[in-house]
Amino acid sequence: MAFTLLYLQMLFICRMAKLLDKCFSPCMMIHISCTAPVLGVCEYGLISGGLKLDSMFLFAGWASATYLVCNGGQRLTDVSRNVGTFVNDVDWYQLEAELQRDLTLVLRRCMKPSQLKAGAFGGMSYSTIQAIVKTSYSYMTFMNQTI
């Protein structure tokens, strides 16, 4: 019974991940492509003009929104990997024949973990945050040297 509930929960998570990816992938691509320049301009504003309240709030808003999305994507990827590990440890020979067949489908599905994607930029994860921070720093140093 517990395995059946876990199986249904895993199916729900997979379906929701596909729906989220289908709905929000274009929006996330636009958001991620705009985040690094906006953060770089905010950083430059904070460095060059002192601690302006508008630059601080804009920086905090964009950074927190990006962190929330990337953290959610990382958690989804981790959970989908853990489901495969858990299913692999189940005593499959004690299950009904139909569940045994479903178990092979679940294991096959878990070979490729679910991800929240940002279009062509790939999955939303902690490495995405790292790339955004590096790029925003590059924008900030470029503006600091040219302006």
Protein backbone atom coordinates (compact mmCIF):
# COMPACT_ATOMS: atom_id res chain seq x y z
CA MET A 1 0.00 0.00 0.00
CA ALA A 2 2.80 2.41 0.90
CA PHE A 3 4.53 1.72 -2.40
CA THR A 4 1.30 2.37 -4.32
CA LEU A 5 0.95 5.77 -2.65
CA LEU A 6 4.58 6.60 -3.39
CA TYR A 7 4.09 5.50 -7.00
CA LEU A 8 1.03 7.72 -7.40
CA GLN A 9 2.86 10.62 -5.77
CA MET A 10 5.81 10.15 -8.14
CA LEU A 11 3.48 10.12 -11.14
CA PHE A 12 1.88 13.33 -9.90
CA ILE A 13 5.29 14.98 -9.47
CA CYS A 14 6.35 13.94 -12.99
CA ARG A 15 3.15 15.26 -14.54
CA MET A 16 3.35 18.54 -12.63
CA ALA A 17 6.99 18.98 -13.64
CA LYS A 18 6.07 18.55 -17.30
CA LEU A 19 3.20 21.02 -17.00
CA LEU A 20 5.37 23.57 -15.19
CA ASP A 21 8.10 23.17 -17.76
CA LYS A 22 5.65 23.60 -20.63
CA CYS A 23 4.04 26.71 -19.10
CA PHE A 24 7.01 28.53 -17.63
CA SER A 25 10.00 27.58 -19.79
CA PRO A 26 9.67 30.58 -22.17
CA CYS A 27 9.11 32.96 -19.24
CA MET A 28 12.09 31.56 -17.37
CA MET A 29 14.28 31.96 -20.45
CA ILE A 30 13.40 35.65 -20.62
CA HIS A 31 13.85 36.05 -16.86
CA ILE A 32 17.26 34.36 -16.82
CA SER A 33 18.51 36.30 -19.84
CA CYS A 34 17.54 39.60 -18.18
CA THR A 35 18.69 38.78 -14.64
CA ALA A 36 22.46 39.12 -15.07
CA PRO A 37 22.35 42.56 -16.77
CA VAL A 38 19.83 43.88 -14.24
CA LEU A 39 21.89 42.62 -11.31
CA GLY A 40 25.06 44.05 -12.88
CA VAL A 41 23.45 47.49 -13.25
CA CYS A 42 22.18 47.35 -9.66
CA GLU A 43 25.63 46.35 -8.40
CA TYR A 44 27.18 49.22 -10.34
CA GLY A 45 24.60 51.61 -8.89
CA LEU A 46 25.38 50.42 -5.37
CA ILE A 47 29.13 50.75 -5.86
CA SER A 48 29.27 54.04 -7.74
CA GLY A 49 26.48 56.05 -6.17
CA GLY A 50 26.45 54.87 -2.61
CA LEU A 51 23.71 52.84 -1.00
CA LYS A 52 20.66 53.90 -2.93
CA LEU A 53 17.44 52.39 -1.71
CA ASP A 54 16.03 51.77 -5.18
CA SER A 55 19.12 49.85 -6.31
CA MET A 56 19.11 47.77 -3.15
CA PHE A 57 15.45 46.80 -3.47
CA LEU A 58 15.76 46.05 -7.18
CA PHE A 59 18.83 43.91 -6.56
CA ALA A 60 17.15 42.08 -3.65
CA GLY A 61 13.99 41.43 -5.67
CA TRP A 62 15.71 40.04 -8.74
CA ALA A 63 18.21 38.01 -6.71
CA SER A 64 15.55 36.48 -4.46
CA ALA A 65 13.24 35.64 -7.39
CA THR A 66 16.10 33.94 -9.20
CA TYR A 67 17.11 32.05 -6.07
CA LEU A 68 13.56 30.83 -5.44
CA VAL A 69 13.16 29.51 -8.98
CA CYS A 70 16.60 27.88 -9.08
CA ASN A 71 16.15 26.38 -5.62
CA GLY A 72 12.81 24.89 -6.68
CA GLY A 73 14.38 23.44 -9.82
CA GLN A 74 17.26 21.95 -7.84
CA ARG A 75 14.88 20.41 -5.30
CA LEU A 76 12.75 18.90 -8.08
CA THR A 77 15.84 17.34 -9.66
CA ASP A 78 17.02 15.97 -6.30
CA VAL A 79 13.61 14.49 -5.45
CA SER A 80 13.24 12.82 -8.84
CA ARG A 81 16.69 11.23 -8.40
CA ASN A 82 15.80 10.04 -4.88
CA VAL A 83 12.60 8.39 -6.13
CA GLY A 84 14.68 6.19 -8.42
CA THR A 85 16.92 5.18 -5.53
CA PHE A 86 13.93 4.37 -3.34
CA VAL A 87 12.18 2.36 -6.06
CA ASN A 88 15.38 0.42 -6.67
CA ASP A 89 15.42 -0.66 -3.00
CA VAL A 90 11.81 -1.98 -3.02
CA ASP A 91 11.27 -5.74 -2.76
CA TRP A 92 9.73 -5.97 -6.22
CA TYR A 93 9.25 -9.73 -6.14
CA GLN A 94 6.63 -9.35 -3.37
CA LEU A 95 4.46 -6.97 -5.40
CA GLU A 96 1.58 -7.74 -7.73
CA ALA A 97 2.40 -8.42 -11.37
CA GLU A 98 0.89 -5.13 -12.54
CA LEU A 99 2.94 -3.14 -10.04
CA GLN A 100 6.07 -5.02 -11.08
CA ARG A 101 5.53 -3.86 -14.67
CA ASP A 102 4.87 -0.33 -13.46
CA LEU A 103 8.03 -0.48 -11.39
CA THR A 104 10.12 -0.99 -14.51
CA LEU A 105 8.47 2.05 -16.08
CA VAL A 106 9.19 4.11 -12.96
CA LEU A 107 12.83 3.03 -12.99
CA ARG A 108 13.12 3.89 -16.66
CA ARG A 109 11.54 7.30 -16.03
CA CYS A 110 13.90 7.99 -13.13
CA MET A 111 16.97 7.53 -15.33
CA LYS A 112 16.43 11.07 -16.57
CA PRO A 113 15.63 13.35 -13.62
CA SER A 114 12.90 15.97 -13.92
CA GLN A 115 14.01 19.57 -14.34
CA LEU A 116 12.54 23.01 -14.51
CA LYS A 117 13.99 24.41 -17.70
CA ALA A 118 14.65 27.91 -18.92
CA GLY A 119 14.35 27.28 -22.63
CA ALA A 120 17.74 26.97 -24.29
CA PHE A 121 19.59 27.77 -21.05
CA GLY A 122 18.93 24.32 -19.59
CA GLY A 123 17.78 23.36 -16.13
CA MET A 124 17.24 25.71 -13.24
CA SER A 125 19.69 24.73 -10.50
CA TYR A 126 22.37 26.06 -8.23
CA SER A 127 24.82 26.09 -11.14
CA THR A 128 22.44 28.50 -12.92
CA ILE A 129 22.67 30.89 -9.96
CA GLN A 130 26.45 30.62 -10.07
CA ALA A 131 26.54 31.47 -13.79
CA ILE A 132 24.21 34.45 -13.26
CA VAL A 133 26.36 35.82 -10.42
CA LYS A 134 29.52 35.48 -12.53
CA THR A 135 27.88 37.21 -15.49
CA SER A 136 26.46 40.03 -13.36
CA TYR A 137 29.90 40.61 -11.87
CA SER A 138 31.31 40.83 -15.40
CA TYR A 139 28.67 43.42 -16.32
CA MET A 140 29.44 45.40 -13.18
CA THR A 141 33.20 45.44 -13.78
CA PHE A 142 32.68 46.35 -17.43
CA MET A 143 30.53 49.35 -16.48
CA ASN A 144 32.91 50.31 -13.69
CA GLN A 145 35.83 50.50 -16.14
CA THR A 146 34.01 52.19 -19.02
CA ILE A 147 31.73 54.70 -17.31
